[in-house]
Amino acid sequence: MTQQTIGLHVDPADETIRLGPLEVRFLLTGDDSAGSVAVFELFVPSGQRLMAPAHSHDRYEETIYGISGVSTWTVDGRPIDVGPRQALCIPRGAVHRFDNNGSQDVKALCVITPAAIGPQYFRESAEVINAAAGGPPDPARMVEIMRRHGLTPAPPPAQA
């Protein structure tokens, strides 16, 4: 059988979603893998912070594999740097976020197992983030999108 006869092709979800300066490009979605895995590239320019609130998810693990640059993932309050050829598995229920505190752009591969989230979450988030034109996105809209897609926003950090 050829790829064409069985409906397979490389990068079936070839779409770049821009969330302000960040980019997400899905390589596989749940539709491409019978729901077992979603895989996307994440590009974060140097000095950029995640605009969405820290969050957790109970329905899937998220594994990060560093390709270039160093991203800092804060997982349950603990900062963990992920550089090239390093992997970090974020377990279900762990509160996390990421930033690029370095001087190099970051490219990472993110693997969601099972594929409980896909491009639609990022498309909707991009609308809110891009509408903010570089300012903070509407927190109520971000929280609503996150909850609808199975993410649980973390409460804001306590002020010291």
N, C-alpha and C. Protein backbone atom coordinates (compact mmCIF):
# COMPACT_ATOMS: atom_id res chain seq x y z
N MET A 1 0.83 -1.18 0.00
CA MET A 1 0.00 0.00 0.00
C MET A 1 0.88 1.25 0.00
N THR A 2 0.43 2.27 -0.64
CA THR A 2 1.14 3.54 -0.62
C THR A 2 0.50 4.45 0.42
N GLN A 3 1.20 5.54 0.74
CA GLN A 3 0.61 6.49 1.69
C GLN A 3 -0.71 7.02 1.18
N GLN A 4 -0.80 7.24 -0.12
CA GLN A 4 -2.02 7.81 -0.68
C GLN A 4 -3.20 6.85 -0.51
N THR A 5 -2.99 5.55 -0.70
CA THR A 5 -4.11 4.62 -0.64
C THR A 5 -4.63 4.43 0.78
N ILE A 6 -3.78 4.65 1.79
CA ILE A 6 -4.27 4.51 3.15
C ILE A 6 -4.49 5.85 3.83
N GLY A 7 -4.33 6.95 3.09
CA GLY A 7 -4.66 8.27 3.61
C GLY A 7 -3.63 8.89 4.53
N LEU A 8 -2.40 8.41 4.52
CA LEU A 8 -1.36 8.98 5.37
C LEU A 8 -0.55 10.01 4.61
N HIS A 9 -0.11 11.03 5.33
CA HIS A 9 0.81 11.99 4.74
C HIS A 9 1.57 12.69 5.86
N VAL A 10 2.70 13.28 5.50
CA VAL A 10 3.56 13.95 6.47
C VAL A 10 2.93 15.28 6.88
N ASP A 11 3.02 15.60 8.18
CA ASP A 11 2.48 16.85 8.73
C ASP A 11 1.05 17.12 8.28
N PRO A 12 0.12 16.23 8.62
CA PRO A 12 -1.26 16.41 8.15
C PRO A 12 -1.93 17.68 8.65
N ALA A 13 -1.44 18.26 9.74
CA ALA A 13 -2.07 19.46 10.29
C ALA A 13 -1.14 20.65 10.12
N ASP A 14 -0.54 20.77 8.96
CA ASP A 14 0.48 21.78 8.71
C ASP A 14 -0.13 23.18 8.73
N GLU A 15 -0.15 23.79 9.90
CA GLU A 15 -0.72 25.13 10.11
C GLU A 15 0.10 25.81 11.20
N THR A 16 0.49 27.05 10.99
CA THR A 16 1.18 27.81 12.03
C THR A 16 0.19 28.77 12.66
N ILE A 17 0.06 28.67 13.99
CA ILE A 17 -0.84 29.54 14.75
C ILE A 17 0.03 30.52 15.51
N ARG A 18 -0.21 31.81 15.31
CA ARG A 18 0.59 32.86 15.96
C ARG A 18 -0.19 33.44 17.14
N LEU A 19 0.41 33.33 18.31
CA LEU A 19 -0.15 33.86 19.55
C LEU A 19 0.76 34.99 19.98
N GLY A 20 0.51 36.20 19.44
CA GLY A 20 1.45 37.28 19.66
C GLY A 20 2.77 36.86 19.04
N PRO A 21 3.88 36.94 19.79
CA PRO A 21 5.18 36.57 19.23
C PRO A 21 5.45 35.06 19.22
N LEU A 22 4.63 34.27 19.89
CA LEU A 22 4.82 32.83 19.94
C LEU A 22 4.18 32.17 18.72
N GLU A 23 4.71 31.02 18.34
CA GLU A 23 4.14 30.26 17.23
C GLU A 23 3.96 28.81 17.64
N VAL A 24 2.85 28.23 17.22
CA VAL A 24 2.56 26.82 17.43
C VAL A 24 2.28 26.22 16.06
N ARG A 25 2.94 25.11 15.76
CA ARG A 25 2.69 24.43 14.49
C ARG A 25 2.44 22.96 14.78
N PHE A 26 1.19 22.53 14.61
CA PHE A 26 0.84 21.14 14.85
C PHE A 26 1.41 20.25 13.76
N LEU A 27 1.99 19.15 14.19
CA LEU A 27 2.50 18.13 13.27
C LEU A 27 1.51 16.97 13.18
N LEU A 28 0.89 16.65 14.31
CA LEU A 28 -0.14 15.62 14.39
C LEU A 28 -1.23 16.08 15.34
N THR A 29 -2.46 15.79 15.03
CA THR A 29 -3.57 16.06 15.94
C THR A 29 -4.21 14.73 16.34
N GLY A 30 -5.15 14.80 17.26
CA GLY A 30 -5.87 13.60 17.64
C GLY A 30 -6.59 12.97 16.47
N ASP A 31 -7.05 13.79 15.53
CA ASP A 31 -7.73 13.26 14.33
C ASP A 31 -6.78 12.41 13.49
N ASP A 32 -5.48 12.71 13.55
CA ASP A 32 -4.49 11.98 12.75
C ASP A 32 -3.98 10.73 13.45
N SER A 33 -4.30 10.58 14.75
CA SER A 33 -3.70 9.50 15.54
C SER A 33 -4.74 8.68 16.31
N ALA A 34 -5.98 8.72 15.88
CA ALA A 34 -7.06 8.03 16.60
C ALA A 34 -7.11 8.46 18.07
N GLY A 35 -6.74 9.72 18.32
CA GLY A 35 -6.83 10.28 19.66
C GLY A 35 -5.68 9.94 20.58
N SER A 36 -4.67 9.22 20.09
CA SER A 36 -3.61 8.77 20.99
C SER A 36 -2.57 9.84 21.30
N VAL A 37 -2.30 10.76 20.34
CA VAL A 37 -1.23 11.73 20.54
C VAL A 37 -1.48 12.98 19.69
N ALA A 38 -1.08 14.12 20.22
CA ALA A 38 -1.00 15.36 19.45
C ALA A 38 0.43 15.86 19.62
N VAL A 39 1.02 16.35 18.53
CA VAL A 39 2.40 16.81 18.56
C VAL A 39 2.46 18.16 17.87
N PHE A 40 3.11 19.13 18.54
CA PHE A 40 3.29 20.44 17.92
C PHE A 40 4.65 21.02 18.24
N GLU A 41 5.14 21.85 17.31
CA GLU A 41 6.34 22.63 17.54
C GLU A 41 5.93 23.91 18.23
N LEU A 42 6.76 24.36 19.15
CA LEU A 42 6.54 25.62 19.85
C LEU A 42 7.76 26.50 19.61
N PHE A 43 7.52 27.72 19.13
CA PHE A 43 8.59 28.69 18.91
C PHE A 43 8.35 29.87 19.84
N VAL A 44 9.36 30.20 20.66
CA VAL A 44 9.26 31.30 21.61
C VAL A 44 10.48 32.20 21.44
N PRO A 45 10.28 33.45 20.97
CA PRO A 45 11.43 34.36 20.82
C PRO A 45 12.10 34.64 22.17
N SER A 46 13.35 35.03 22.11
CA SER A 46 14.09 35.33 23.33
C SER A 46 13.37 36.40 24.15
N GLY A 47 13.43 36.21 25.47
CA GLY A 47 12.86 37.20 26.38
C GLY A 47 11.34 37.20 26.48
N GLN A 48 10.66 36.20 25.92
CA GLN A 48 9.18 36.20 25.93
C GLN A 48 8.64 35.35 27.07
N ARG A 49 7.53 35.82 27.63
CA ARG A 49 6.82 35.10 28.68
C ARG A 49 5.50 34.60 28.14
N LEU A 50 5.03 33.50 28.67
CA LEU A 50 3.72 32.96 28.30
C LEU A 50 2.65 33.96 28.71
N MET A 51 1.75 34.32 27.78
CA MET A 51 0.72 35.32 28.08
C MET A 51 -0.48 34.73 28.80
N ALA A 52 -0.71 33.44 28.65
CA ALA A 52 -1.83 32.78 29.34
C ALA A 52 -1.42 32.48 30.78
N PRO A 53 -2.40 32.34 31.68
CA PRO A 53 -2.05 32.03 33.07
C PRO A 53 -1.49 30.62 33.21
N ALA A 54 -0.74 30.42 34.28
CA ALA A 54 -0.29 29.06 34.62
C ALA A 54 -1.54 28.19 34.71
N HIS A 55 -1.37 26.90 34.44
CA HIS A 55 -2.53 26.03 34.38
C HIS A 55 -2.13 24.58 34.64
N SER A 56 -3.13 23.74 34.77
CA SER A 56 -2.91 22.30 34.86
C SER A 56 -3.93 21.63 33.94
N HIS A 57 -3.73 20.35 33.71
CA HIS A 57 -4.73 19.58 32.95
C HIS A 57 -4.77 18.18 33.54
N ASP A 58 -5.98 17.67 33.70
CA ASP A 58 -6.18 16.38 34.34
C ASP A 58 -6.34 15.24 33.35
N ARG A 59 -6.52 15.55 32.06
CA ARG A 59 -6.82 14.50 31.09
C ARG A 59 -5.63 14.07 30.25
N TYR A 60 -4.47 14.71 30.41
CA TYR A 60 -3.32 14.33 29.59
C TYR A 60 -2.01 14.78 30.20
N GLU A 61 -0.92 14.09 29.77
CA GLU A 61 0.43 14.51 30.09
C GLU A 61 0.92 15.38 28.94
N GLU A 62 1.87 16.25 29.26
CA GLU A 62 2.50 17.09 28.25
C GLU A 62 4.01 16.88 28.38
N THR A 63 4.64 16.42 27.32
CA THR A 63 6.07 16.20 27.31
C THR A 63 6.72 17.23 26.40
N ILE A 64 7.75 17.87 26.91
CA ILE A 64 8.46 18.92 26.18
C ILE A 64 9.84 18.39 25.81
N TYR A 65 10.21 18.53 24.55
CA TYR A 65 11.54 18.13 24.08
C TYR A 65 12.21 19.35 23.48
N GLY A 66 13.34 19.77 24.05
CA GLY A 66 14.04 20.95 23.57
C GLY A 66 14.78 20.70 22.27
N ILE A 67 14.60 21.60 21.31
CA ILE A 67 15.31 21.52 20.04
C ILE A 67 16.41 22.57 19.99
N SER A 68 16.08 23.83 20.32
CA SER A 68 17.09 24.88 20.36
C SER A 68 16.69 25.91 21.42
N GLY A 69 17.69 26.61 21.96
CA GLY A 69 17.44 27.57 23.02
C GLY A 69 17.10 26.85 24.32
N VAL A 70 16.85 27.62 25.37
CA VAL A 70 16.51 27.06 26.68
C VAL A 70 15.22 27.71 27.16
N SER A 71 14.20 26.90 27.38
CA SER A 71 12.95 27.40 27.96
C SER A 71 12.93 27.03 29.43
N THR A 72 12.30 27.90 30.22
CA THR A 72 12.16 27.63 31.65
C THR A 72 10.71 27.30 31.93
N TRP A 73 10.47 26.08 32.36
CA TRP A 73 9.13 25.59 32.70
C TRP A 73 9.03 25.61 34.21
N THR A 74 8.04 26.29 34.74
CA THR A 74 7.81 26.29 36.17
C THR A 74 6.70 25.30 36.44
N VAL A 75 7.04 24.22 37.14
CA VAL A 75 6.11 23.12 37.38
C VAL A 75 5.92 23.00 38.89
N ASP A 76 4.68 23.21 39.34
CA ASP A 76 4.37 23.19 40.78
C ASP A 76 5.35 24.07 41.56
N GLY A 77 5.66 25.27 41.00
CA GLY A 77 6.49 26.25 41.67
C GLY A 77 7.98 26.05 41.48
N ARG A 78 8.39 24.99 40.82
CA ARG A 78 9.82 24.69 40.64
C ARG A 78 10.26 25.02 39.22
N PRO A 79 11.21 25.95 39.03
CA PRO A 79 11.70 26.25 37.67
C PRO A 79 12.61 25.14 37.17
N ILE A 80 12.37 24.71 35.93
CA ILE A 80 13.16 23.65 35.31
C ILE A 80 13.54 24.11 33.90
N ASP A 81 14.83 24.22 33.63
CA ASP A 81 15.29 24.61 32.31
C ASP A 81 15.31 23.39 31.40
N VAL A 82 14.79 23.57 30.16
CA VAL A 82 14.79 22.52 29.16
C VAL A 82 15.56 23.04 27.95
N GLY A 83 16.71 22.45 27.70
CA GLY A 83 17.55 22.85 26.57
C GLY A 83 17.51 21.82 25.46
N PRO A 84 18.33 22.02 24.44
CA PRO A 84 18.37 21.08 23.33
C PRO A 84 18.67 19.65 23.80
N ARG A 85 17.93 18.71 23.23
CA ARG A 85 18.09 17.28 23.50
C ARG A 85 17.71 16.89 24.93
N GLN A 86 16.92 17.74 25.61
CA GLN A 86 16.42 17.40 26.94
C GLN A 86 14.90 17.29 26.87
N ALA A 87 14.34 16.44 27.73
CA ALA A 87 12.89 16.24 27.76
C ALA A 87 12.37 16.39 29.17
N LEU A 88 11.16 16.90 29.27
CA LEU A 88 10.47 17.07 30.55
C LEU A 88 9.04 16.60 30.37
N CYS A 89 8.61 15.66 31.21
CA CYS A 89 7.21 15.22 31.19
C CYS A 89 6.47 15.90 32.32
N ILE A 90 5.43 16.65 31.97
CA ILE A 90 4.62 17.34 32.97
C ILE A 90 3.42 16.44 33.26
N PRO A 91 3.32 15.92 34.48
CA PRO A 91 2.24 14.98 34.78
C PRO A 91 0.88 15.67 34.89
N ARG A 92 -0.14 14.88 34.75
CA ARG A 92 -1.51 15.38 34.92
C ARG A 92 -1.64 16.05 36.28
N GLY A 93 -2.33 17.18 36.31
CA GLY A 93 -2.58 17.88 37.56
C GLY A 93 -1.49 18.84 38.01
N ALA A 94 -0.31 18.80 37.40
CA ALA A 94 0.78 19.70 37.81
C ALA A 94 0.53 21.10 37.23
N VAL A 95 0.61 22.12 38.08
CA VAL A 95 0.46 23.51 37.63
C VAL A 95 1.76 23.93 36.96
N HIS A 96 1.64 24.47 35.74
CA HIS A 96 2.85 24.82 35.00
C HIS A 96 2.65 26.02 34.08
N ARG A 97 3.77 26.57 33.68
CA ARG A 97 3.84 27.66 32.71
C ARG A 97 5.26 27.65 32.15
N PHE A 98 5.54 28.46 31.15
CA PHE A 98 6.89 28.52 30.61
C PHE A 98 7.24 29.94 30.22
N ASP A 99 8.54 30.18 30.14
CA ASP A 99 9.08 31.47 29.71
C ASP A 99 10.38 31.19 28.97
N ASN A 100 10.77 32.14 28.14
CA ASN A 100 12.09 32.11 27.54
C ASN A 100 12.85 33.29 28.15
N ASN A 101 13.65 33.00 29.16
CA ASN A 101 14.42 34.03 29.85
C ASN A 101 15.77 34.27 29.20
N GLY A 102 16.08 33.50 28.16
CA GLY A 102 17.39 33.55 27.56
C GLY A 102 17.50 34.54 26.41
N SER A 103 18.69 34.58 25.81
CA SER A 103 18.95 35.47 24.70
C SER A 103 18.81 34.77 23.35
N GLN A 104 18.50 33.48 23.36
CA GLN A 104 18.28 32.73 22.13
C GLN A 104 16.80 32.38 22.00
N ASP A 105 16.32 32.34 20.76
CA ASP A 105 14.96 31.86 20.51
C ASP A 105 14.89 30.39 20.91
N VAL A 106 13.69 29.97 21.31
CA VAL A 106 13.45 28.58 21.70
C VAL A 106 12.59 27.90 20.65
N LYS A 107 12.98 26.69 20.32
CA LYS A 107 12.11 25.80 19.55
C LYS A 107 12.04 24.50 20.35
N ALA A 108 10.82 24.05 20.58
CA ALA A 108 10.62 22.81 21.33
C ALA A 108 9.52 22.00 20.67
N LEU A 109 9.54 20.73 20.93
CA LEU A 109 8.50 19.83 20.47
C LEU A 109 7.64 19.48 21.68
N CYS A 110 6.32 19.63 21.55
CA CYS A 110 5.40 19.32 22.65
C CYS A 110 4.54 18.14 22.23
N VAL A 111 4.45 17.16 23.12
CA VAL A 111 3.71 15.93 22.85
C VAL A 111 2.61 15.81 23.90
N ILE A 112 1.38 15.72 23.45
CA ILE A 112 0.21 15.62 24.33
C ILE A 112 -0.32 14.19 24.24
N THR A 113 -0.36 13.48 25.38
CA THR A 113 -0.85 12.10 25.39
C THR A 113 -1.86 11.90 26.51
N PRO A 114 -3.05 11.40 26.20
CA PRO A 114 -3.62 11.30 24.86
C PRO A 114 -3.92 12.68 24.30
N ALA A 115 -4.37 12.72 23.06
CA ALA A 115 -4.55 13.99 22.33
C ALA A 115 -5.83 14.70 22.76
N ALA A 116 -5.87 15.17 23.99
CA ALA A 116 -7.07 15.82 24.53
C ALA A 116 -7.16 17.30 24.17
N ILE A 117 -6.15 17.83 23.51
CA ILE A 117 -6.16 19.24 23.11
C ILE A 117 -5.58 19.32 21.69
N GLY A 118 -6.04 20.30 20.95
CA GLY A 118 -5.57 20.41 19.57
C GLY A 118 -5.51 21.85 19.11
N PRO A 119 -5.43 22.05 17.80
CA PRO A 119 -5.26 23.39 17.25
C PRO A 119 -6.36 24.37 17.63
N GLN A 120 -7.59 23.91 17.83
CA GLN A 120 -8.68 24.84 18.10
C GLN A 120 -8.44 25.65 19.38
N TYR A 121 -7.88 25.02 20.39
CA TYR A 121 -7.55 25.76 21.62
C TYR A 121 -6.61 26.92 21.31
N PHE A 122 -5.58 26.64 20.52
CA PHE A 122 -4.59 27.67 20.20
C PHE A 122 -5.15 28.73 19.26
N ARG A 123 -6.03 28.34 18.35
CA ARG A 123 -6.67 29.33 17.47
C ARG A 123 -7.50 30.32 18.29
N GLU A 124 -8.30 29.80 19.21
CA GLU A 124 -9.15 30.66 20.04
C GLU A 124 -8.31 31.54 20.96
N SER A 125 -7.26 30.97 21.54
CA SER A 125 -6.37 31.76 22.40
C SER A 125 -5.68 32.84 21.59
N ALA A 126 -5.27 32.51 20.37
CA ALA A 126 -4.60 33.49 19.50
C ALA A 126 -5.50 34.69 19.23
N GLU A 127 -6.79 34.46 19.04
CA GLU A 127 -7.72 35.57 18.80
C GLU A 127 -7.67 36.56 19.96
N VAL A 128 -7.71 36.05 21.19
CA VAL A 128 -7.73 36.91 22.37
C VAL A 128 -6.37 37.59 22.56
N ILE A 129 -5.29 36.82 22.42
CA ILE A 129 -3.94 37.37 22.61
C ILE A 129 -3.64 38.42 21.54
N ASN A 130 -3.96 38.12 20.29
CA ASN A 130 -3.66 39.05 19.20
C ASN A 130 -4.53 40.30 19.27
N ALA A 131 -5.76 40.18 19.78
CA ALA A 131 -6.63 41.34 19.94
C ALA A 131 -6.08 42.31 20.99
N ALA A 132 -5.26 41.81 21.92
CA ALA A 132 -4.68 42.66 22.97
C ALA A 132 -3.53 43.51 22.43
N ALA A 133 -3.09 43.25 21.21
CA ALA A 133 -2.06 44.06 20.52
C ALA A 133 -0.82 44.30 21.40
N GLY A 134 -0.32 43.23 22.02
CA GLY A 134 0.89 43.34 22.81
C GLY A 134 0.64 43.60 24.29
N GLY A 135 -0.58 43.98 24.64
CA GLY A 135 -0.92 44.17 26.05
C GLY A 135 -1.40 42.86 26.64
N PRO A 136 -1.80 42.87 27.91
CA PRO A 136 -2.29 41.63 28.50
C PRO A 136 -3.62 41.21 27.88
N PRO A 137 -3.78 39.93 27.59
CA PRO A 137 -5.04 39.46 27.03
C PRO A 137 -6.16 39.52 28.07
N ASP A 138 -7.39 39.57 27.59
CA ASP A 138 -8.57 39.60 28.47
C ASP A 138 -8.56 38.34 29.34
N PRO A 139 -8.35 38.49 30.66
CA PRO A 139 -8.22 37.31 31.51
C PRO A 139 -9.49 36.46 31.56
N ALA A 140 -10.65 37.08 31.55
CA ALA A 140 -11.90 36.31 31.62
C ALA A 140 -12.07 35.46 30.37
N ARG A 141 -11.76 36.01 29.22
CA ARG A 141 -11.88 35.25 27.97
C ARG A 141 -10.85 34.12 27.92
N MET A 142 -9.62 34.40 28.37
CA MET A 142 -8.60 33.35 28.38
C MET A 142 -9.01 32.20 29.29
N VAL A 143 -9.52 32.52 30.47
CA VAL A 143 -9.95 31.49 31.42
C VAL A 143 -11.10 30.67 30.83
N GLU A 144 -12.04 31.33 30.17
CA GLU A 144 -13.18 30.60 29.57
C GLU A 144 -12.69 29.64 28.50
N ILE A 145 -11.78 30.08 27.64
CA ILE A 145 -11.24 29.21 26.59
C ILE A 145 -10.49 28.04 27.20
N MET A 146 -9.66 28.32 28.19
CA MET A 146 -8.89 27.27 28.84
C MET A 146 -9.81 26.21 29.44
N ARG A 147 -10.80 26.64 30.20
CA ARG A 147 -11.71 25.68 30.84
C ARG A 147 -12.48 24.85 29.83
N ARG A 148 -12.92 25.50 28.76
CA ARG A 148 -13.68 24.78 27.72
C ARG A 148 -12.84 23.70 27.05
N HIS A 149 -11.53 23.90 27.02
CA HIS A 149 -10.63 22.93 26.38
C HIS A 149 -9.92 22.02 27.38
N GLY A 150 -10.40 21.99 28.63
CA GLY A 150 -9.88 21.04 29.60
C GLY A 150 -8.66 21.48 30.38
N LEU A 151 -8.32 22.77 30.34
CA LEU A 151 -7.22 23.29 31.14
C LEU A 151 -7.80 23.97 32.37
N THR A 152 -7.14 23.85 33.49
CA THR A 152 -7.57 24.48 34.72
C THR A 152 -6.62 25.62 35.05
N PRO A 153 -7.07 26.88 34.91
CA PRO A 153 -6.19 28.01 35.25
C PRO A 153 -5.82 27.97 36.73
N ALA A 154 -4.57 28.28 37.03
CA ALA A 154 -4.13 28.35 38.42
C ALA A 154 -4.51 29.69 38.99
N PRO A 155 -4.77 29.75 40.30
CA PRO A 155 -5.02 31.07 40.89
C PRO A 155 -3.76 31.92 40.79
N PRO A 156 -3.93 33.25 40.72
CA PRO A 156 -2.74 34.11 40.66
C PRO A 156 -1.85 33.90 41.86
N PRO A 157 -0.54 34.07 41.71
CA PRO A 157 0.37 33.90 42.86
C PRO A 157 0.03 34.92 43.95
N ALA A 158 0.22 34.50 45.19
CA ALA A 158 -0.03 35.38 46.34
C ALA A 158 0.97 36.52 46.31
N GLN A 159 0.53 37.69 46.65
CA GLN A 159 1.41 38.86 46.73
C GLN A 159 2.14 38.85 48.05
N ALA A 160 3.44 39.11 48.00
CA ALA A 160 4.25 39.09 49.24
C ALA A 160 4.21 40.45 49.91
